[in-house]
Amino acid sequence: MPSIQAKMISGLFKLIGVNRMLDKQGTDFEKLLESYKEKQKKPLKIPYSKMDAFDIQTKVIDGTTCYTVSKKGTTPNRAVLYLFGGGYILPPDPGDIILCGQIAENCRAKVWFPLYPMAPEHRLAETLQSTLKVYQDILTEYDASSVRFFGTSSGGGQSLCVYIRHESIDVPLPGKLVLQSPGLQVPPSESQKAEMEKRKKLDVMIPPRFFENIAPVLATGDEAYLLSPLLYDLSGFPEIDIFYGTREVMIAYLKEFQDACRKYCVKLNTYIGKDMMHCWGAMEFVPEARAVRQEYFKALR
């Protein structure tokens, strides 16, 4: 049974109509994308007053603004590349930086948090080139085996490892991937669409048609492989921890991803949040979010 707080946040999302907003079609969808361009231009508000125990540095890596977060007075023995979600159109919020701090503290890590370029102004290939530069910056301080990628939603589906392999870039893969509610095949397969339709009324955030609409905005032609890491040869990929809620359409990816990991001998640890919504771990005041964050920290250590 979900907590009162979890029910409240789910009800709020339903009342606001997040699902309906993302389900716009045609010119209405284009107008929605244009409105997000304006949101992306607003500077991220860093909650410094809540994070005086952390060292927060800002650097520009090949044109990408990136924050690094570490606990003051510690020597981090690992690094985390934090890839925020939002369908490649919604910018991050202060809660992302707060979670970076919690990861830094609980995992004795230095966290890199890049403000990567987003759609519709930028294509997915540009996003990946940006995060690759940040990863290469991390590798000047840490061995790849000590690096973890942590991504939520589109950040979890961001196919940086696939991009490195496909483009034959001479960069080692990280030691582990930790993914919350990742989008793993865009647009979805027919079987995935059918499963999404079954869960459509349960998901207060993501409508199934969103994946069809956003796909051509992000990548087409030879770059389309970037949208579907689930379909790629995962041989040699690092261990993966994956989190899905039962009240989100994106859990439709899980079975085929489990099959792919078995096929390519990739260790996959699966966590299912019963009656939980998409990316419930982001709702900090919800008890279930605080609980799942402890699982994030275990996976990232």
C-alpha atoms as a PDB file:
ATOM      1  CA  MET A   1       0.000   0.000   0.000  1.00  0.00           C
ATOM      2  CA  PRO A   2       1.542   3.361  -1.021  1.00  0.00           C
ATOM      3  CA  SER A   3       2.112   5.948   1.704  1.00  0.00           C
ATOM      4  CA  ILE A   4      -0.161   8.965   2.043  1.00  0.00           C
ATOM      5  CA  GLN A   5       2.632  11.142   0.646  1.00  0.00           C
ATOM      6  CA  ALA A   6       3.011   8.888  -2.415  1.00  0.00           C
ATOM      7  CA  LYS A   7      -0.723   9.030  -3.064  1.00  0.00           C
ATOM      8  CA  MET A   8      -0.662  12.811  -2.671  1.00  0.00           C
ATOM      9  CA  ILE A   9       2.128  13.352  -5.200  1.00  0.00           C
ATOM     10  CA  SER A  10       0.492  10.971  -7.668  1.00  0.00           C
ATOM     11  CA  GLY A  11      -2.805  12.803  -7.260  1.00  0.00           C
ATOM     12  CA  LEU A  12      -1.077  16.146  -7.761  1.00  0.00           C
ATOM     13  CA  PHE A  13       0.515  15.023 -11.020  1.00  0.00           C
ATOM     14  CA  LYS A  14      -2.882  13.788 -12.187  1.00  0.00           C
ATOM     15  CA  LEU A  15      -4.559  17.061 -11.218  1.00  0.00           C
ATOM     16  CA  ILE A  16      -1.924  19.157 -12.986  1.00  0.00           C
ATOM     17  CA  GLY A  17      -2.321  16.977 -16.058  1.00  0.00           C
ATOM     18  CA  VAL A  18       1.332  16.170 -16.740  1.00  0.00           C
ATOM     19  CA  ASN A  19       0.294  13.114 -18.741  1.00  0.00           C
ATOM     20  CA  ARG A  20      -2.130  15.111 -20.895  1.00  0.00           C
ATOM     21  CA  MET A  21       0.431  17.846 -21.471  1.00  0.00           C
ATOM     22  CA  LEU A  22       2.993  15.387 -22.857  1.00  0.00           C
ATOM     23  CA  ASP A  23       0.332  13.721 -25.003  1.00  0.00           C
ATOM     24  CA  LYS A  24      -0.091  16.717 -27.308  1.00  0.00           C
ATOM     25  CA  GLN A  25       0.022  16.010 -31.039  1.00  0.00           C
ATOM     26  CA  GLY A  26       1.060  17.823 -34.222  1.00  0.00           C
ATOM     27  CA  THR A  27       1.508  21.580 -33.943  1.00  0.00           C
ATOM     28  CA  ASP A  28       0.505  21.462 -30.267  1.00  0.00           C
ATOM     29  CA  PHE A  29       3.448  19.153 -29.585  1.00  0.00           C
ATOM     30  CA  GLU A  30       5.758  21.495 -31.489  1.00  0.00           C
ATOM     31  CA  LYS A  31       4.540  24.407 -29.361  1.00  0.00           C
ATOM     32  CA  LEU A  32       5.199  22.339 -26.242  1.00  0.00           C
ATOM     33  CA  LEU A  33       8.802  21.759 -27.357  1.00  0.00           C
ATOM     34  CA  GLU A  34       9.240  25.481 -27.990  1.00  0.00           C
ATOM     35  CA  SER A  35       7.997  26.269 -24.481  1.00  0.00           C
ATOM     36  CA  TYR A  36      10.597  23.915 -23.009  1.00  0.00           C
ATOM     37  CA  LYS A  37      13.341  25.753 -24.887  1.00  0.00           C
ATOM     38  CA  GLU A  38      12.538  28.778 -22.726  1.00  0.00           C
ATOM     39  CA  LYS A  39      12.672  26.701 -19.536  1.00  0.00           C
ATOM     40  CA  GLN A  40      16.080  25.346 -20.542  1.00  0.00           C
ATOM     41  CA  LYS A  41      17.504  28.878 -20.712  1.00  0.00           C
ATOM     42  CA  LYS A  42      16.747  29.603 -17.059  1.00  0.00           C
ATOM     43  CA  PRO A  43      19.758  29.108 -14.754  1.00  0.00           C
ATOM     44  CA  LEU A  44      19.663  26.190 -12.347  1.00  0.00           C
ATOM     45  CA  LYS A  45      19.082  27.364  -8.781  1.00  0.00           C
ATOM     46  CA  ILE A  46      21.650  25.713  -6.550  1.00  0.00           C
ATOM     47  CA  PRO A  47      20.314  25.299  -2.966  1.00  0.00           C
ATOM     48  CA  TYR A  48      23.591  26.326  -1.340  1.00  0.00           C
ATOM     49  CA  SER A  49      21.888  26.976   2.015  1.00  0.00           C
ATOM     50  CA  LYS A  50      20.934  23.297   2.219  1.00  0.00           C
ATOM     51  CA  MET A  51      24.346  22.094   1.070  1.00  0.00           C
ATOM     52  CA  ASP A  52      26.908  23.887   3.207  1.00  0.00           C
ATOM     53  CA  ALA A  53      28.482  20.495   4.027  1.00  0.00           C
ATOM     54  CA  PHE A  54      29.469  20.041   0.388  1.00  0.00           C
ATOM     55  CA  ASP A  55      32.100  21.394  -1.929  1.00  0.00           C
ATOM     56  CA  ILE A  56      30.280  22.444  -5.113  1.00  0.00           C
ATOM     57  CA  GLN A  57      32.447  23.507  -8.010  1.00  0.00           C
ATOM     58  CA  THR A  58      31.426  24.757 -11.456  1.00  0.00           C
ATOM     59  CA  LYS A  59      33.462  24.059 -14.550  1.00  0.00           C
ATOM     60  CA  VAL A  60      32.890  24.307 -18.287  1.00  0.00           C
ATOM     61  CA  ILE A  61      33.927  21.188 -20.198  1.00  0.00           C
ATOM     62  CA  ASP A  62      34.113  21.799 -23.932  1.00  0.00           C
ATOM     63  CA  GLY A  63      31.150  24.177 -23.718  1.00  0.00           C
ATOM     64  CA  THR A  64      29.076  22.158 -21.237  1.00  0.00           C
ATOM     65  CA  THR A  65      28.503  23.578 -17.761  1.00  0.00           C
ATOM     66  CA  CYS A  66      29.173  20.883 -15.189  1.00  0.00           C
ATOM     67  CA  TYR A  67      28.898  20.929 -11.396  1.00  0.00           C
ATOM     68  CA  THR A  68      31.004  18.661  -9.232  1.00  0.00           C
ATOM     69  CA  VAL A  69      29.762  17.780  -5.756  1.00  0.00           C
ATOM     70  CA  SER A  70      31.724  16.153  -2.949  1.00  0.00           C
ATOM     71  CA  LYS A  71      31.471  16.060   0.841  1.00  0.00           C
ATOM     72  CA  LYS A  72      33.807  18.517   2.538  1.00  0.00           C
ATOM     73  CA  GLY A  73      36.631  16.909   4.462  1.00  0.00           C
ATOM     74  CA  THR A  74      36.523  13.628   2.541  1.00  0.00           C
ATOM     75  CA  THR A  75      38.665  11.991  -0.114  1.00  0.00           C
ATOM     76  CA  PRO A  76      36.215  10.413  -2.568  1.00  0.00           C
ATOM     77  CA  ASN A  77      37.343   6.997  -3.780  1.00  0.00           C
ATOM     78  CA  ARG A  78      34.890   6.791  -6.679  1.00  0.00           C
ATOM     79  CA  ALA A  79      33.168   9.043  -9.191  1.00  0.00           C
ATOM     80  CA  VAL A  80      29.554   9.216 -10.322  1.00  0.00           C
ATOM     81  CA  LEU A  81      28.339  10.737 -13.587  1.00  0.00           C
ATOM     82  CA  TYR A  82      24.797  11.927 -12.816  1.00  0.00           C
ATOM     83  CA  LEU A  83      22.557  12.119 -15.884  1.00  0.00           C
ATOM     84  CA  PHE A  84      19.255  13.837 -15.138  1.00  0.00           C
ATOM     85  CA  GLY A  85      15.958  12.854 -16.765  1.00  0.00           C
ATOM     86  CA  GLY A  86      13.171  14.834 -18.366  1.00  0.00           C
ATOM     87  CA  GLY A  87      12.681  13.337 -21.818  1.00  0.00           C
ATOM     88  CA  TYR A  88      15.667  15.325 -23.149  1.00  0.00           C
ATOM     89  CA  ILE A  89      13.448  18.437 -23.017  1.00  0.00           C
ATOM     90  CA  LEU A  90      12.866  19.254 -19.338  1.00  0.00           C
ATOM     91  CA  PRO A  91      15.845  20.797 -17.497  1.00  0.00           C
ATOM     92  CA  PRO A  92      16.945  19.622 -14.043  1.00  0.00           C
ATOM     93  CA  ASP A  93      15.798  21.183 -10.779  1.00  0.00           C
ATOM     94  CA  PRO A  94      17.416  21.816  -7.366  1.00  0.00           C
ATOM     95  CA  GLY A  95      16.347  18.358  -6.202  1.00  0.00           C
ATOM     96  CA  ASP A  96      18.869  16.846  -8.602  1.00  0.00           C
ATOM     97  CA  ILE A  97      21.751  18.675  -6.944  1.00  0.00           C
ATOM     98  CA  ILE A  98      20.459  17.651  -3.513  1.00  0.00           C
ATOM     99  CA  LEU A  99      20.484  14.008  -4.629  1.00  0.00           C
ATOM    100  CA  CYS A 100      24.017  14.515  -5.970  1.00  0.00           C
ATOM    101  CA  GLY A 101      25.000  15.580  -2.461  1.00  0.00           C
ATOM    102  CA  GLN A 102      23.352  12.541  -0.898  1.00  0.00           C
ATOM    103  CA  ILE A 103      25.183  10.275  -3.332  1.00  0.00           C
ATOM    104  CA  ALA A 104      28.465  12.037  -2.578  1.00  0.00           C
ATOM    105  CA  GLU A 105      27.951  11.604   1.173  1.00  0.00           C
ATOM    106  CA  ASN A 106      26.629   8.054   1.233  1.00  0.00           C
ATOM    107  CA  CYS A 107      28.938   6.640  -1.429  1.00  0.00           C
ATOM    108  CA  ARG A 108      32.111   8.582  -0.639  1.00  0.00           C
ATOM    109  CA  ALA A 109      32.001   9.813  -4.212  1.00  0.00           C
ATOM    110  CA  LYS A 110      32.700  12.875  -6.296  1.00  0.00           C
ATOM    111  CA  VAL A 111      29.642  13.493  -8.451  1.00  0.00           C
ATOM    112  CA  TRP A 112      29.774  15.142 -11.876  1.00  0.00           C
ATOM    113  CA  PHE A 113      26.466  16.774 -12.842  1.00  0.00           C
ATOM    114  CA  PRO A 114      26.516  18.138 -16.411  1.00  0.00           C
ATOM    115  CA  LEU A 115      23.844  20.410 -17.866  1.00  0.00           C
ATOM    116  CA  TYR A 116      23.912  18.607 -21.181  1.00  0.00           C
ATOM    117  CA  PRO A 117      22.300  20.104 -24.326  1.00  0.00           C
ATOM    118  CA  MET A 118      18.636  19.217 -24.846  1.00  0.00           C
ATOM    119  CA  ALA A 119      16.032  18.908 -27.591  1.00  0.00           C
ATOM    120  CA  PRO A 120      14.578  20.341 -29.681  1.00  0.00           C
ATOM    121  CA  GLU A 121      17.517  22.676 -30.258  1.00  0.00           C
ATOM    122  CA  HIS A 122      20.017  19.829 -29.968  1.00  0.00           C
ATOM    123  CA  ARG A 123      19.986  16.275 -31.278  1.00  0.00           C
ATOM    124  CA  LEU A 124      20.751  13.230 -29.128  1.00  0.00           C
ATOM    125  CA  ALA A 125      24.165  12.794 -30.768  1.00  0.00           C
ATOM    126  CA  GLU A 126      25.121  16.267 -29.499  1.00  0.00           C
ATOM    127  CA  THR A 127      23.915  15.329 -26.012  1.00  0.00           C
ATOM    128  CA  LEU A 128      26.097  12.228 -26.033  1.00  0.00           C
ATOM    129  CA  GLN A 129      29.131  14.090 -27.353  1.00  0.00           C
ATOM    130  CA  SER A 130      28.701  16.499 -24.444  1.00  0.00           C
ATOM    131  CA  THR A 131      28.421  13.819 -21.760  1.00  0.00           C
ATOM    132  CA  LEU A 132      31.323  11.901 -23.326  1.00  0.00           C
ATOM    133  CA  LYS A 133      33.554  14.949 -22.808  1.00  0.00           C
ATOM    134  CA  VAL A 134      32.471  15.057 -19.167  1.00  0.00           C
ATOM    135  CA  TYR A 135      33.193  11.343 -18.763  1.00  0.00           C
ATOM    136  CA  GLN A 136      36.640  11.847 -20.277  1.00  0.00           C
ATOM    137  CA  ASP A 137      37.207  14.620 -17.737  1.00  0.00           C
ATOM    138  CA  ILE A 138      36.294  12.191 -14.955  1.00  0.00           C
ATOM    139  CA  LEU A 139      38.827   9.699 -16.325  1.00  0.00           C
ATOM    140  CA  THR A 140      41.623  12.215 -15.778  1.00  0.00           C
ATOM    141  CA  GLU A 141      41.014  11.711 -12.022  1.00  0.00           C
ATOM    142  CA  TYR A 142      39.557   8.202 -11.699  1.00  0.00           C
ATOM    143  CA  ASP A 143      40.021   4.779 -13.260  1.00  0.00           C
ATOM    144  CA  ALA A 144      36.972   3.634 -15.224  1.00  0.00           C
ATOM    145  CA  SER A 145      36.432   0.758 -12.765  1.00  0.00           C
ATOM    146  CA  SER A 146      35.800   3.357 -10.037  1.00  0.00           C
ATOM    147  CA  VAL A 147      33.239   5.282 -12.108  1.00  0.00           C
ATOM    148  CA  ARG A 148      29.481   4.746 -12.039  1.00  0.00           C
ATOM    149  CA  PHE A 149      26.848   6.200 -14.349  1.00  0.00           C
ATOM    150  CA  PHE A 150      23.624   7.109 -12.542  1.00  0.00           C
ATOM    151  CA  GLY A 151      20.695   8.106 -14.748  1.00  0.00           C
ATOM    152  CA  THR A 152      16.998   8.727 -14.298  1.00  0.00           C
ATOM    153  CA  SER A 153      14.357   8.321 -17.025  1.00  0.00           C
ATOM    154  CA  SER A 154      15.884   9.680 -20.265  1.00  0.00           C
ATOM    155  CA  GLY A 155      19.160  10.078 -18.365  1.00  0.00           C
ATOM    156  CA  GLY A 156      19.001   6.375 -17.568  1.00  0.00           C
ATOM    157  CA  GLY A 157      18.352   5.585 -21.206  1.00  0.00           C
ATOM    158  CA  GLN A 158      21.096   7.899 -22.434  1.00  0.00           C
ATOM    159  CA  SER A 159      23.130   5.480 -24.500  1.00  0.00           C
ATOM    160  CA  LEU A 160      26.630   6.777 -23.779  1.00  0.00           C
ATOM    161  CA  CYS A 161      28.102   3.279 -23.503  1.00  0.00           C
ATOM    162  CA  VAL A 162      26.443   2.304 -26.793  1.00  0.00           C
ATOM    163  CA  TYR A 163      27.769   5.487 -28.414  1.00  0.00           C
ATOM    164  CA  ILE A 164      31.324   4.772 -27.228  1.00  0.00           C
ATOM    165  CA  ARG A 165      31.192   1.240 -28.615  1.00  0.00           C
ATOM    166  CA  HIS A 166      29.426   2.043 -31.902  1.00  0.00           C
ATOM    167  CA  GLU A 167      31.722   4.955 -32.741  1.00  0.00           C
ATOM    168  CA  SER A 168      34.847   2.935 -31.731  1.00  0.00           C
ATOM    169  CA  ILE A 169      35.928   5.625 -29.271  1.00  0.00           C
ATOM    170  CA  ASP A 170      39.013   4.634 -27.310  1.00  0.00           C
ATOM    171  CA  VAL A 171      37.444   5.094 -23.879  1.00  0.00           C
ATOM    172  CA  PRO A 172      36.820   2.299 -21.336  1.00  0.00           C
ATOM    173  CA  LEU A 173      33.286   1.693 -20.093  1.00  0.00           C
ATOM    174  CA  PRO A 174      32.504   2.591 -16.459  1.00  0.00           C
ATOM    175  CA  GLY A 175      32.467   0.084 -13.626  1.00  0.00           C
ATOM    176  CA  LYS A 176      28.684   0.079 -13.231  1.00  0.00           C
ATOM    177  CA  LEU A 177      25.393   1.513 -14.491  1.00  0.00           C
ATOM    178  CA  VAL A 178      22.568   2.419 -12.097  1.00  0.00           C
ATOM    179  CA  LEU A 179      19.346   3.287 -13.925  1.00  0.00           C
ATOM    180  CA  GLN A 180      16.038   4.578 -12.552  1.00  0.00           C
ATOM    181  CA  SER A 181      13.041   4.161 -14.904  1.00  0.00           C
ATOM    182  CA  PRO A 182      15.140   4.283 -18.089  1.00  0.00           C
ATOM    183  CA  GLY A 183      13.731   4.592 -21.587  1.00  0.00           C
ATOM    184  CA  LEU A 184      15.441   1.757 -23.453  1.00  0.00           C
ATOM    185  CA  GLN A 185      13.769   1.577 -26.861  1.00  0.00           C
ATOM    186  CA  VAL A 186      12.294   4.611 -28.646  1.00  0.00           C
ATOM    187  CA  PRO A 187       9.929   4.190 -30.318  1.00  0.00           C
ATOM    188  CA  PRO A 188       8.816   1.043 -28.461  1.00  0.00           C
ATOM    189  CA  SER A 189       8.284  -2.334 -30.109  1.00  0.00           C
ATOM    190  CA  GLU A 190       4.739  -3.555 -30.746  1.00  0.00           C
ATOM    191  CA  SER A 191       4.829  -5.812 -27.677  1.00  0.00           C
ATOM    192  CA  GLN A 192       6.137  -2.939 -25.550  1.00  0.00           C
ATOM    193  CA  LYS A 193       3.397  -0.646 -26.874  1.00  0.00           C
ATOM    194  CA  ALA A 194       0.769  -3.217 -25.941  1.00  0.00           C
ATOM    195  CA  GLU A 195       2.148  -3.437 -22.400  1.00  0.00           C
ATOM    196  CA  MET A 196       2.271   0.355 -22.142  1.00  0.00           C
ATOM    197  CA  GLU A 197      -1.368   0.597 -23.200  1.00  0.00           C
ATOM    198  CA  LYS A 198      -2.306  -1.790 -20.377  1.00  0.00           C
ATOM    199  CA  ARG A 199      -0.626   0.520 -17.854  1.00  0.00           C
ATOM    200  CA  LYS A 200      -1.606   3.836 -19.434  1.00  0.00           C
ATOM    201  CA  LYS A 201      -4.293   4.651 -16.879  1.00  0.00           C
ATOM    202  CA  LEU A 202      -1.910   3.912 -14.003  1.00  0.00           C
ATOM    203  CA  ASP A 203       0.857   6.252 -15.202  1.00  0.00           C
ATOM    204  CA  VAL A 204       0.214   9.877 -14.189  1.00  0.00           C
ATOM    205  CA  MET A 205       3.304  11.144 -15.999  1.00  0.00           C
ATOM    206  CA  ILE A 206       4.214   9.528 -19.326  1.00  0.00           C
ATOM    207  CA  PRO A 207       1.701   8.818 -22.122  1.00  0.00           C
ATOM    208  CA  PRO A 208       2.752   6.009 -24.522  1.00  0.00           C
ATOM    209  CA  ARG A 209       2.418   8.280 -27.564  1.00  0.00           C
ATOM    210  CA  PHE A 210       5.159  10.558 -26.213  1.00  0.00           C
ATOM    211  CA  PHE A 211       7.831   8.092 -27.355  1.00  0.00           C
ATOM    212  CA  GLU A 212       6.559   8.125 -30.931  1.00  0.00           C
ATOM    213  CA  ASN A 213       6.482  11.930 -30.963  1.00  0.00           C
ATOM    214  CA  ILE A 214       9.893  12.576 -29.428  1.00  0.00           C
ATOM    215  CA  ALA A 215      11.854   9.968 -31.440  1.00  0.00           C
ATOM    216  CA  PRO A 216      12.265  11.983 -34.700  1.00  0.00           C
ATOM    217  CA  VAL A 217      13.102  15.088 -32.681  1.00  0.00           C
ATOM    218  CA  LEU A 218      16.068  13.295 -31.097  1.00  0.00           C
ATOM    219  CA  ALA A 219      17.537  11.110 -33.830  1.00  0.00           C
ATOM    220  CA  THR A 220      16.844   9.807 -37.325  1.00  0.00           C
ATOM    221  CA  GLY A 221      18.676   7.844 -40.009  1.00  0.00           C
ATOM    222  CA  ASP A 222      22.105   6.524 -39.045  1.00  0.00           C
ATOM    223  CA  GLU A 223      21.796   8.051 -35.563  1.00  0.00           C
ATOM    224  CA  ALA A 224      18.525   6.280 -34.709  1.00  0.00           C
ATOM    225  CA  TYR A 225      20.422   3.444 -32.968  1.00  0.00           C
ATOM    226  CA  LEU A 226      21.105   5.878 -30.116  1.00  0.00           C
ATOM    227  CA  LEU A 227      17.435   5.768 -29.126  1.00  0.00           C
ATOM    228  CA  SER A 228      17.351   2.031 -28.430  1.00  0.00           C
ATOM    229  CA  PRO A 229      20.227   0.682 -26.333  1.00  0.00           C
ATOM    230  CA  LEU A 230      18.057  -2.375 -25.635  1.00  0.00           C
ATOM    231  CA  LEU A 231      18.604  -3.494 -29.256  1.00  0.00           C
ATOM    232  CA  TYR A 232      22.387  -3.111 -29.187  1.00  0.00           C
ATOM    233  CA  ASP A 233      25.046  -5.778 -28.617  1.00  0.00           C
ATOM    234  CA  LEU A 234      25.678  -5.432 -24.865  1.00  0.00           C
ATOM    235  CA  SER A 235      28.670  -7.773 -24.764  1.00  0.00           C
ATOM    236  CA  GLY A 236      31.244  -6.574 -22.258  1.00  0.00           C
ATOM    237  CA  PHE A 237      28.919  -4.034 -20.655  1.00  0.00           C
ATOM    238  CA  PRO A 238      29.338  -3.482 -16.910  1.00  0.00           C
ATOM    239  CA  GLU A 239      26.959  -4.676 -14.208  1.00  0.00           C
ATOM    240  CA  ILE A 240      23.611  -2.870 -14.259  1.00  0.00           C
ATOM    241  CA  ASP A 241      21.138  -2.080 -11.481  1.00  0.00           C
ATOM    242  CA  ILE A 242      17.712  -1.088 -12.794  1.00  0.00           C
ATOM    243  CA  PHE A 243      14.663   0.355 -10.985  1.00  0.00           C
ATOM    244  CA  TYR A 244      11.055   0.483 -12.218  1.00  0.00           C
ATOM    245  CA  GLY A 245       7.689   1.160 -10.574  1.00  0.00           C
ATOM    246  CA  THR A 246       4.615  -0.938 -11.335  1.00  0.00           C
ATOM    247  CA  ARG A 247       2.569   2.193 -12.082  1.00  0.00           C
ATOM    248  CA  GLU A 248       4.689   3.420 -14.978  1.00  0.00           C
ATOM    249  CA  VAL A 249       4.503   2.550 -18.661  1.00  0.00           C
ATOM    250  CA  MET A 250       8.286   2.300 -18.978  1.00  0.00           C
ATOM    251  CA  ILE A 251       8.336  -0.967 -17.053  1.00  0.00           C
ATOM    252  CA  ALA A 252       7.252  -2.408 -20.429  1.00  0.00           C
ATOM    253  CA  TYR A 253      10.945  -2.408 -21.370  1.00  0.00           C
ATOM    254  CA  LEU A 254      12.017  -4.635 -18.507  1.00  0.00           C
ATOM    255  CA  LYS A 255      11.336  -8.159 -19.786  1.00  0.00           C
ATOM    256  CA  GLU A 256      13.106  -7.639 -23.112  1.00  0.00           C
ATOM    257  CA  PHE A 257      16.007  -5.907 -21.367  1.00  0.00           C
ATOM    258  CA  GLN A 258      16.345  -8.855 -18.985  1.00  0.00           C
ATOM    259  CA  ASP A 259      16.420 -11.149 -22.021  1.00  0.00           C
ATOM    260  CA  ALA A 260      19.087  -8.992 -23.697  1.00  0.00           C
ATOM    261  CA  CYS A 261      21.280  -8.993 -20.595  1.00  0.00           C
ATOM    262  CA  ARG A 262      21.046 -12.773 -20.338  1.00  0.00           C
ATOM    263  CA  LYS A 263      21.892 -13.091 -24.039  1.00  0.00           C
ATOM    264  CA  TYR A 264      25.019 -10.955 -23.683  1.00  0.00           C
ATOM    265  CA  CYS A 265      26.017 -12.228 -20.209  1.00  0.00           C
ATOM    266  CA  VAL A 266      25.565  -8.861 -18.488  1.00  0.00           C
ATOM    267  CA  LYS A 267      24.776  -9.016 -14.784  1.00  0.00           C
ATOM    268  CA  LEU A 268      21.456  -7.262 -14.149  1.00  0.00           C
ATOM    269  CA  ASN A 269      20.005  -6.502 -10.723  1.00  0.00           C
ATOM    270  CA  THR A 270      16.313  -5.586 -10.837  1.00  0.00           C
ATOM    271  CA  TYR A 271      14.328  -3.558  -8.278  1.00  0.00           C
ATOM    272  CA  ILE A 272      10.545  -3.181  -8.588  1.00  0.00           C
ATOM    273  CA  GLY A 273       8.665  -0.492  -6.661  1.00  0.00           C
ATOM    274  CA  LYS A 274       5.192  -1.905  -6.001  1.00  0.00           C
ATOM    275  CA  ASP A 275       2.506   0.701  -6.754  1.00  0.00           C
ATOM    276  CA  MET A 276       5.214   3.286  -7.443  1.00  0.00           C
ATOM    277  CA  MET A 277       5.101   5.901 -10.205  1.00  0.00           C
ATOM    278  CA  HIS A 278       7.765   6.847 -12.735  1.00  0.00           C
ATOM    279  CA  CYS A 279      11.009   7.986 -11.046  1.00  0.00           C
ATOM    280  CA  TRP A 280       9.449   7.917  -7.585  1.00  0.00           C
ATOM    281  CA  GLY A 281      12.930   8.197  -6.093  1.00  0.00           C
ATOM    282  CA  ALA A 282      12.973  11.875  -7.110  1.00  0.00           C
ATOM    283  CA  MET A 283      10.147  12.770  -4.682  1.00  0.00           C
ATOM    284  CA  GLU A 284      12.369  13.345  -1.666  1.00  0.00           C
ATOM    285  CA  PHE A 285       9.651  13.834   0.957  1.00  0.00           C
ATOM    286  CA  VAL A 286       7.948  10.519   0.050  1.00  0.00           C
ATOM    287  CA  PRO A 287       8.964   7.644   2.398  1.00  0.00           C
ATOM    288  CA  GLU A 288       9.292   5.230  -0.534  1.00  0.00           C
ATOM    289  CA  ALA A 289      11.689   7.655  -2.214  1.00  0.00           C
ATOM    290  CA  ARG A 290      13.913   7.817   0.846  1.00  0.00           C
ATOM    291  CA  ALA A 291      13.893   4.017   0.964  1.00  0.00           C
ATOM    292  CA  VAL A 292      14.779   3.527  -2.694  1.00  0.00           C
ATOM    293  CA  ARG A 293      17.589   6.074  -2.409  1.00  0.00           C
ATOM    294  CA  GLN A 294      19.247   3.744   0.078  1.00  0.00           C
ATOM    295  CA  GLU A 295      19.160   1.118  -2.674  1.00  0.00           C
ATOM    296  CA  TYR A 296      20.702   3.628  -5.101  1.00  0.00           C
ATOM    297  CA  PHE A 297      23.558   4.197  -2.666  1.00  0.00           C
ATOM    298  CA  LYS A 298      24.182   0.452  -2.206  1.00  0.00           C
ATOM    299  CA  ALA A 299      24.255  -0.016  -5.971  1.00  0.00           C
ATOM    300  CA  LEU A 300      26.634   2.911  -6.505  1.00  0.00           C
ATOM    301  CA  ARG A 301      29.169   1.858  -3.881  1.00  0.00           C
END
